[in-house]
Amino acid sequence: MMSDRIGKAIKVVVKRANHEMAILTVIPEEANPDM
């Protein structure tokens, strides 16, 4: 449920901001382990 929304939000942010910081703002919890 949340994964679907997060995936869509990331795609939108990446296409709009095209930055990694934007993605971290959308899902800081998922990006935490990535960093």
N, C-alpha and C. Protein backbone atom coordinates (compact mmCIF):
# COMPACT_ATOMS: atom_id res chain seq x y z
N MET A 1 0.84 -1.20 0.00
CA MET A 1 0.00 0.00 0.00
C MET A 1 0.88 1.26 0.00
N MET A 2 1.71 1.38 1.01
CA MET A 2 2.58 2.57 1.09
C MET A 2 3.68 2.50 0.03
N SER A 3 4.14 1.31 -0.22
CA SER A 3 5.22 1.13 -1.22
C SER A 3 4.77 1.67 -2.57
N ASP A 4 3.53 1.40 -2.92
CA ASP A 4 3.01 1.86 -4.22
C ASP A 4 3.02 3.39 -4.27
N ARG A 5 2.60 4.00 -3.19
CA ARG A 5 2.53 5.47 -3.15
C ARG A 5 3.96 6.04 -3.14
N ILE A 6 4.83 5.43 -2.40
CA ILE A 6 6.22 5.92 -2.31
C ILE A 6 6.89 5.84 -3.68
N GLY A 7 6.73 4.71 -4.34
CA GLY A 7 7.33 4.53 -5.67
C GLY A 7 6.84 5.60 -6.63
N LYS A 8 5.57 5.89 -6.59
CA LYS A 8 5.01 6.90 -7.52
C LYS A 8 5.53 8.29 -7.14
N ALA A 9 5.62 8.56 -5.86
CA ALA A 9 6.08 9.87 -5.39
C ALA A 9 7.53 10.08 -5.79
N ILE A 10 8.33 9.05 -5.65
CA ILE A 10 9.76 9.17 -6.00
C ILE A 10 9.90 9.48 -7.49
N LYS A 11 9.14 8.78 -8.31
CA LYS A 11 9.23 9.00 -9.77
C LYS A 11 8.87 10.44 -10.09
N VAL A 12 7.88 10.95 -9.43
CA VAL A 12 7.45 12.34 -9.69
C VAL A 12 8.53 13.31 -9.24
N VAL A 13 9.06 13.08 -8.07
CA VAL A 13 10.09 13.98 -7.53
C VAL A 13 11.35 13.92 -8.39
N VAL A 14 11.74 12.72 -8.77
CA VAL A 14 12.96 12.56 -9.57
C VAL A 14 12.79 13.27 -10.91
N LYS A 15 11.62 13.14 -11.50
CA LYS A 15 11.40 13.78 -12.82
C LYS A 15 11.31 15.30 -12.66
N ARG A 16 10.81 15.74 -11.53
CA ARG A 16 10.63 17.18 -11.32
C ARG A 16 11.93 17.82 -10.80
N ALA A 17 12.51 17.22 -9.79
CA ALA A 17 13.73 17.80 -9.20
C ALA A 17 14.98 17.18 -9.81
N ASN A 18 14.88 15.88 -10.16
CA ASN A 18 16.06 15.21 -10.75
C ASN A 18 17.23 15.29 -9.77
N HIS A 19 16.94 15.12 -8.50
CA HIS A 19 17.99 15.22 -7.48
C HIS A 19 17.79 14.13 -6.43
N GLU A 20 18.85 13.71 -5.82
CA GLU A 20 18.73 12.68 -4.78
C GLU A 20 18.13 13.28 -3.50
N MET A 21 18.40 14.55 -3.26
CA MET A 21 17.87 15.19 -2.04
C MET A 21 16.35 15.19 -2.07
N ALA A 22 15.79 15.38 -3.25
CA ALA A 22 14.32 15.40 -3.37
C ALA A 22 13.76 14.05 -2.95
N ILE A 23 14.39 12.99 -3.39
CA ILE A 23 13.92 11.64 -3.03
C ILE A 23 14.00 11.44 -1.52
N LEU A 24 15.07 11.92 -0.92
CA LEU A 24 15.26 11.74 0.53
C LEU A 24 14.14 12.48 1.29
N THR A 25 13.68 13.55 0.70
CA THR A 25 12.62 14.32 1.36
C THR A 25 11.30 13.57 1.28
N VAL A 26 11.12 12.81 0.21
CA VAL A 26 9.86 12.07 0.03
C VAL A 26 9.83 10.86 0.94
N ILE A 27 10.94 10.11 0.97
CA ILE A 27 10.97 8.91 1.81
C ILE A 27 12.28 8.86 2.61
N PRO A 28 12.39 9.68 3.64
CA PRO A 28 13.61 9.72 4.45
C PRO A 28 13.85 8.39 5.15
N GLU A 29 12.77 7.68 5.46
CA GLU A 29 12.91 6.39 6.15
C GLU A 29 13.51 5.35 5.21
N GLU A 30 13.09 5.36 3.96
CA GLU A 30 13.60 4.36 2.99
C GLU A 30 15.00 4.76 2.53
N ALA A 31 15.28 6.04 2.50
CA ALA A 31 16.59 6.51 2.02
C ALA A 31 17.63 6.39 3.13
N ASN A 32 17.19 6.31 4.35
CA ASN A 32 18.11 6.22 5.50
C ASN A 32 19.07 5.04 5.33
N PRO A 33 18.58 3.84 5.11
CA PRO A 33 19.47 2.68 4.95
C PRO A 33 20.30 2.78 3.68
N ASP A 34 19.80 3.48 2.69
CA ASP A 34 20.53 3.62 1.43
C ASP A 34 21.82 4.41 1.66
N MET A 35 21.75 5.40 2.55
CA MET A 35 22.93 6.24 2.81
C MET A 35 23.84 5.52 3.79
